[in-house]
C-alpha atoms as a PDB file:
ATOM      1  CA  UNK A   1      -0.382   1.431  21.203  1.00  0.00           C
ATOM      2  CA  UNK A   2       2.247   2.136  18.562  1.00  0.00           C
ATOM      3  CA  UNK A   3       1.753   2.437  14.824  1.00  0.00           C
ATOM      4  CA  UNK A   4       1.747  -0.987  13.127  1.00  0.00           C
ATOM      5  CA  UNK A   5       4.830  -1.208  10.921  1.00  0.00           C
ATOM      6  CA  UNK A   6       4.412  -4.271   8.686  1.00  0.00           C
ATOM      7  CA  UNK A   7       1.470  -5.184   6.440  1.00  0.00           C
ATOM      8  CA  UNK A   8       0.755  -8.212   8.653  1.00  0.00           C
ATOM      9  CA  UNK A   9       0.694  -5.973  11.739  1.00  0.00           C
ATOM     10  CA  UNK A  10      -1.667  -3.578   9.948  1.00  0.00           C
ATOM     11  CA  UNK A  11      -4.060  -6.430   9.083  1.00  0.00           C
ATOM     12  CA  UNK A  12      -4.009  -7.632  12.688  1.00  0.00           C
ATOM     13  CA  UNK A  13      -4.644  -4.098  13.936  1.00  0.00           C
ATOM     14  CA  UNK A  14      -7.511  -3.598  11.480  1.00  0.00           C
ATOM     15  CA  UNK A  15      -9.096  -6.842  12.624  1.00  0.00           C
ATOM     16  CA  UNK A  16      -8.919  -5.865  16.289  1.00  0.00           C
ATOM     17  CA  UNK A  17     -11.827  -3.412  15.922  1.00  0.00           C
ATOM     18  CA  UNK A  18     -14.937  -4.459  13.984  1.00  0.00           C
ATOM     19  CA  UNK A  19     -15.528  -0.995  12.525  1.00  0.00           C
ATOM     20  CA  UNK A  20     -11.914  -0.014  11.787  1.00  0.00           C
ATOM     21  CA  UNK A  21     -11.969  -1.037   8.108  1.00  0.00           C
ATOM     22  CA  UNK A  22     -15.307   0.609   7.195  1.00  0.00           C
ATOM     23  CA  UNK A  23     -14.424   3.815   9.076  1.00  0.00           C
ATOM     24  CA  UNK A  24     -10.939   4.005   7.533  1.00  0.00           C
ATOM     25  CA  UNK A  25     -12.415   3.393   4.063  1.00  0.00           C
ATOM     26  CA  UNK A  26     -14.972   6.179   4.576  1.00  0.00           C
ATOM     27  CA  UNK A  27     -12.310   8.617   5.801  1.00  0.00           C
ATOM     28  CA  UNK A  28     -10.134   7.739   2.806  1.00  0.00           C
ATOM     29  CA  UNK A  29     -12.947   7.985   0.270  1.00  0.00           C
ATOM     30  CA  UNK A  30     -14.297  11.310   1.589  1.00  0.00           C
ATOM     31  CA  UNK A  31     -10.932  12.798   2.595  1.00  0.00           C
ATOM     32  CA  UNK A  32     -12.090  13.041   6.206  1.00  0.00           C
ATOM     33  CA  UNK A  33     -15.486  13.132   7.856  1.00  0.00           C
ATOM     34  CA  UNK A  34     -17.447  14.470  10.780  1.00  0.00           C
ATOM     35  CA  UNK A  35     -18.396  12.253  13.723  1.00  0.00           C
ATOM     36  CA  UNK A  36     -22.136  12.427  12.975  1.00  0.00           C
ATOM     37  CA  UNK A  37     -21.609  11.516   9.303  1.00  0.00           C
ATOM     38  CA  UNK A  38     -19.582   8.425  10.221  1.00  0.00           C
ATOM     39  CA  UNK A  39     -22.086   7.339  12.881  1.00  0.00           C
ATOM     40  CA  UNK A  40     -25.006   7.717  10.466  1.00  0.00           C
ATOM     41  CA  UNK A  41     -23.211   5.906   7.617  1.00  0.00           C
ATOM     42  CA  UNK A  42     -22.838   2.721   9.694  1.00  0.00           C
ATOM     43  CA  UNK A  43     -25.627   3.110  12.243  1.00  0.00           C
ATOM     44  CA  UNK A  44     -23.104   3.174  15.090  1.00  0.00           C
ATOM     45  CA  UNK A  45     -23.793   4.254  18.624  1.00  0.00           C
ATOM     46  CA  UNK A  46     -21.846   7.168  20.059  1.00  0.00           C
ATOM     47  CA  UNK A  47     -19.922   4.790  22.328  1.00  0.00           C
ATOM     48  CA  UNK A  48     -18.972   2.341  19.543  1.00  0.00           C
ATOM     49  CA  UNK A  49     -17.739   5.064  17.214  1.00  0.00           C
ATOM     50  CA  UNK A  50     -15.833   6.839  19.986  1.00  0.00           C
ATOM     51  CA  UNK A  51     -14.094   3.571  20.868  1.00  0.00           C
ATOM     52  CA  UNK A  52     -13.253   2.919  17.187  1.00  0.00           C
ATOM     53  CA  UNK A  53     -11.887   6.427  16.577  1.00  0.00           C
ATOM     54  CA  UNK A  54      -9.852   6.290  19.804  1.00  0.00           C
ATOM     55  CA  UNK A  55      -8.383   2.973  18.668  1.00  0.00           C
ATOM     56  CA  UNK A  56      -7.553   4.372  15.200  1.00  0.00           C
ATOM     57  CA  UNK A  57      -5.924   7.430  16.793  1.00  0.00           C
ATOM     58  CA  UNK A  58      -3.825   5.152  19.034  1.00  0.00           C
ATOM     59  CA  UNK A  59      -2.689   3.282  15.913  1.00  0.00           C
ATOM     60  CA  UNK A  60      -1.586   6.630  14.482  1.00  0.00           C
ATOM     61  CA  UNK A  61      -3.880   6.394  11.435  1.00  0.00           C
ATOM     62  CA  UNK A  62      -6.492   9.035  12.290  1.00  0.00           C
ATOM     63  CA  UNK A  63      -5.991  12.567  13.594  1.00  0.00           C
ATOM     64  CA  UNK A  64      -8.432  15.240  14.653  1.00  0.00           C
ATOM     65  CA  UNK A  65      -8.582  18.043  12.095  1.00  0.00           C
ATOM     66  CA  UNK A  66      -6.630  21.006  13.495  1.00  0.00           C
ATOM     67  CA  UNK A  67      -8.696  23.358  11.297  1.00  0.00           C
ATOM     68  CA  UNK A  68     -12.037  21.993  12.482  1.00  0.00           C
ATOM     69  CA  UNK A  69     -14.614  24.541  13.540  1.00  0.00           C
ATOM     70  CA  UNK A  70     -16.550  25.297  10.368  1.00  0.00           C
ATOM     71  CA  UNK A  71     -19.665  23.109   9.931  1.00  0.00           C
ATOM     72  CA  UNK A  72     -18.453  21.816   6.567  1.00  0.00           C
ATOM     73  CA  UNK A  73     -14.907  20.884   7.650  1.00  0.00           C
ATOM     74  CA  UNK A  74     -14.289  17.276   8.674  1.00  0.00           C
ATOM     75  CA  UNK A  75     -13.560  16.506  12.318  1.00  0.00           C
ATOM     76  CA  UNK A  76     -11.312  13.516  11.557  1.00  0.00           C
ATOM     77  CA  UNK A  77      -8.655  13.046   8.882  1.00  0.00           C
ATOM     78  CA  UNK A  78      -6.248  10.284   7.948  1.00  0.00           C
ATOM     79  CA  UNK A  79      -2.682  10.892   9.063  1.00  0.00           C
ATOM     80  CA  UNK A  80       0.236  10.451   6.675  1.00  0.00           C
ATOM     81  CA  UNK A  81       0.715   6.887   7.938  1.00  0.00           C
ATOM     82  CA  UNK A  82      -3.040   6.316   7.737  1.00  0.00           C
ATOM     83  CA  UNK A  83      -3.407   7.208   4.039  1.00  0.00           C
ATOM     84  CA  UNK A  84      -2.006   3.927   2.639  1.00  0.00           C
ATOM     85  CA  UNK A  85      -4.008   1.985   5.245  1.00  0.00           C
ATOM     86  CA  UNK A  86      -7.130   3.918   4.219  1.00  0.00           C
ATOM     87  CA  UNK A  87      -6.522   3.025   0.564  1.00  0.00           C
ATOM     88  CA  UNK A  88      -6.138  -0.635   1.586  1.00  0.00           C
ATOM     89  CA  UNK A  89      -9.405  -0.417   3.538  1.00  0.00           C
ATOM     90  CA  UNK A  90     -11.186   1.003   0.474  1.00  0.00           C
ATOM     91  CA  UNK A  91      -9.975  -1.974  -1.590  1.00  0.00           C
ATOM     92  CA  UNK A  92     -11.017  -4.420   1.153  1.00  0.00           C
ATOM     93  CA  UNK A  93     -14.474  -2.845   1.373  1.00  0.00           C
ATOM     94  CA  UNK A  94     -14.851  -3.086  -2.412  1.00  0.00           C
ATOM     95  CA  UNK A  95     -13.888  -6.749  -2.297  1.00  0.00           C
ATOM     96  CA  UNK A  96     -16.277  -7.370   0.618  1.00  0.00           C
ATOM     97  CA  UNK A  97     -19.125  -5.818  -1.365  1.00  0.00           C
ATOM     98  CA  UNK A  98     -18.325  -7.943  -4.442  1.00  0.00           C
ATOM     99  CA  UNK A  99     -18.244 -11.064  -2.267  1.00  0.00           C
ATOM    100  CA  UNK A 100     -21.370 -10.122  -0.307  1.00  0.00           C
ATOM    101  CA  UNK A 101     -19.604  -9.975   3.079  1.00  0.00           C
ATOM    102  CA  UNK A 102     -20.715  -7.600   5.815  1.00  0.00           C
ATOM    103  CA  UNK A 103     -18.234  -6.069   8.306  1.00  0.00           C
ATOM    104  CA  UNK A 104     -19.340  -8.678  10.856  1.00  0.00           C
ATOM    105  CA  UNK A 105     -18.734 -11.658   8.527  1.00  0.00           C
ATOM    106  CA  UNK A 106     -14.958 -11.595   8.847  1.00  0.00           C
ATOM    107  CA  UNK A 107     -13.607 -12.434  12.314  1.00  0.00           C
ATOM    108  CA  UNK A 108     -10.619 -10.711  13.873  1.00  0.00           C
ATOM    109  CA  UNK A 109      -8.075 -13.115  12.361  1.00  0.00           C
ATOM    110  CA  UNK A 110      -9.886 -13.422   9.013  1.00  0.00           C
ATOM    111  CA  UNK A 111      -7.794 -10.998   6.958  1.00  0.00           C
ATOM    112  CA  UNK A 112      -4.406 -12.129   8.337  1.00  0.00           C
ATOM    113  CA  UNK A 113      -5.486 -15.739   7.709  1.00  0.00           C
ATOM    114  CA  UNK A 114      -6.435 -15.046   4.085  1.00  0.00           C
ATOM    115  CA  UNK A 115      -3.145 -13.214   3.543  1.00  0.00           C
ATOM    116  CA  UNK A 116      -1.233 -16.048   5.243  1.00  0.00           C
ATOM    117  CA  UNK A 117      -2.909 -18.710   3.110  1.00  0.00           C
ATOM    118  CA  UNK A 118      -2.420 -16.882  -0.167  1.00  0.00           C
ATOM    119  CA  UNK A 119       0.699 -18.742  -1.348  1.00  0.00           C
ATOM    120  CA  UNK A 120      -0.298 -22.381  -0.877  1.00  0.00           C
ATOM    121  CA  UNK A 121      -2.041 -25.060   1.164  1.00  0.00           C
ATOM    122  CA  UNK A 122      -1.024 -25.071   4.822  1.00  0.00           C
ATOM    123  CA  UNK A 123      -1.387 -27.201   7.915  1.00  0.00           C
ATOM    124  CA  UNK A 124      -3.007 -25.904  11.078  1.00  0.00           C
ATOM    125  CA  UNK A 125       0.314 -25.704  12.948  1.00  0.00           C
ATOM    126  CA  UNK A 126       1.947 -23.766  10.117  1.00  0.00           C
ATOM    127  CA  UNK A 127      -0.912 -21.280  10.146  1.00  0.00           C
ATOM    128  CA  UNK A 128      -0.688 -20.879  13.897  1.00  0.00           C
ATOM    129  CA  UNK A 129       3.054 -20.153  13.637  1.00  0.00           C
ATOM    130  CA  UNK A 130       2.502 -17.703  10.760  1.00  0.00           C
ATOM    131  CA  UNK A 131      -0.254 -15.853  12.627  1.00  0.00           C
ATOM    132  CA  UNK A 132       1.330 -15.790  16.102  1.00  0.00           C
ATOM    133  CA  UNK A 133       0.034 -14.787  18.676  1.00  0.00           C
ATOM    134  CA  UNK A 134      -3.278 -16.366  17.557  1.00  0.00           C
ATOM    135  CA  UNK A 135      -4.551 -19.028  19.945  1.00  0.00           C
ATOM    136  CA  UNK A 136      -5.503 -22.487  18.648  1.00  0.00           C
ATOM    137  CA  UNK A 137      -9.140 -21.853  19.590  1.00  0.00           C
ATOM    138  CA  UNK A 138      -9.266 -18.494  17.789  1.00  0.00           C
ATOM    139  CA  UNK A 139      -7.623 -20.002  14.697  1.00  0.00           C
ATOM    140  CA  UNK A 140     -10.017 -22.951  14.699  1.00  0.00           C
ATOM    141  CA  UNK A 141     -13.069 -20.702  14.995  1.00  0.00           C
ATOM    142  CA  UNK A 142     -11.749 -18.374  12.299  1.00  0.00           C
ATOM    143  CA  UNK A 143     -11.146 -21.320   9.946  1.00  0.00           C
ATOM    144  CA  UNK A 144     -14.690 -22.594  10.553  1.00  0.00           C
ATOM    145  CA  UNK A 145     -16.184 -19.166   9.893  1.00  0.00           C
ATOM    146  CA  UNK A 146     -14.115 -18.652   6.749  1.00  0.00           C
ATOM    147  CA  UNK A 147     -15.035 -22.126   5.445  1.00  0.00           C
ATOM    148  CA  UNK A 148     -18.689 -21.231   6.096  1.00  0.00           C
ATOM    149  CA  UNK A 149     -18.336 -18.104   3.938  1.00  0.00           C
ATOM    150  CA  UNK A 150     -16.658 -20.135   1.168  1.00  0.00           C
ATOM    151  CA  UNK A 151     -13.363 -18.255   1.469  1.00  0.00           C
ATOM    152  CA  UNK A 152     -11.271 -21.199   2.666  1.00  0.00           C
ATOM    153  CA  UNK A 153     -11.478 -24.900   1.888  1.00  0.00           C
ATOM    154  CA  UNK A 154     -10.189 -27.882   3.809  1.00  0.00           C
ATOM    155  CA  UNK A 155      -8.865 -31.118   2.379  1.00  0.00           C
ATOM    156  CA  UNK A 156      -7.648 -34.255   4.077  1.00  0.00           C
ATOM    157  CA  UNK A 157      -4.454 -35.880   2.826  1.00  0.00           C
ATOM    158  CA  UNK A 158      -4.664 -39.667   2.932  1.00  0.00           C
ATOM    159  CA  UNK A 159      -1.697 -40.385   5.192  1.00  0.00           C
ATOM    160  CA  UNK A 160      -1.301 -42.025   8.526  1.00  0.00           C
ATOM    161  CA  UNK A 161      -2.252 -40.086  10.523  1.00  0.00           C
ATOM    162  CA  UNK A 162      -4.513 -38.080   8.192  1.00  0.00           C
ATOM    163  CA  UNK A 163      -3.326 -34.519   7.541  1.00  0.00           C
ATOM    164  CA  UNK A 164      -5.755 -31.596   7.205  1.00  0.00           C
ATOM    165  CA  UNK A 165      -4.671 -28.853   4.808  1.00  0.00           C
ATOM    166  CA  UNK A 166      -6.276 -25.454   4.302  1.00  0.00           C
ATOM    167  CA  UNK A 167      -6.302 -23.369   1.129  1.00  0.00           C
ATOM    168  CA  UNK A 168      -8.161 -20.493  -0.467  1.00  0.00           C
ATOM    169  CA  UNK A 169     -11.250 -20.877  -2.638  1.00  0.00           C
ATOM    170  CA  UNK A 170     -11.730 -18.629  -5.665  1.00  0.00           C
ATOM    171  CA  UNK A 171     -13.560 -16.122  -3.450  1.00  0.00           C
ATOM    172  CA  UNK A 172     -10.716 -16.283  -0.936  1.00  0.00           C
ATOM    173  CA  UNK A 173      -8.147 -15.691  -3.684  1.00  0.00           C
ATOM    174  CA  UNK A 174     -10.102 -12.605  -4.780  1.00  0.00           C
ATOM    175  CA  UNK A 175      -9.946 -11.223  -1.233  1.00  0.00           C
ATOM    176  CA  UNK A 176      -6.256 -12.180  -0.869  1.00  0.00           C
ATOM    177  CA  UNK A 177      -5.441 -10.427  -4.143  1.00  0.00           C
ATOM    178  CA  UNK A 178      -7.088  -7.287  -2.815  1.00  0.00           C
ATOM    179  CA  UNK A 179      -5.135  -7.436   0.435  1.00  0.00           C
ATOM    180  CA  UNK A 180      -1.762  -8.262  -1.104  1.00  0.00           C
ATOM    181  CA  UNK A 181      -1.798  -5.879  -4.090  1.00  0.00           C
ATOM    182  CA  UNK A 182       0.724  -3.132  -3.629  1.00  0.00           C
END
């Protein structure tokens, strides 16, 4: 896997692993961490954390510490390309805490969807085009989940045929502001 280049690609990559955002935020906040510290912080199994760290290394965001060996030195650090992503993850985690969302509350396409909806109301087809390669089923399930967490709202335009439009709630705008701030 290559390093994601655009902000939209980064959001998609972060959503592809459930623990990527919390782990990146922890590494950013603590300027690196040891494997055991990360596992304990989130209650992760050895296998889950290994898979997450391997994924983050493949993205080019996390590197093993070349100076590791002393018990107090971190095993994993953010790479140069991972530092801005780590800062973004810290902001996302802060927003999640304010909104009362756990890492499992946002589906894979949740963050790209919130970022894609930020400007205005959109139709389902427009969202699917904006979030390509999302499947219609994945988009539909993500919309339902996000509506359930009061991040997105749906309204029906009185036309023939009726048109469903999706937009952000106040909570969704808070999360979008966190994602889109530079």
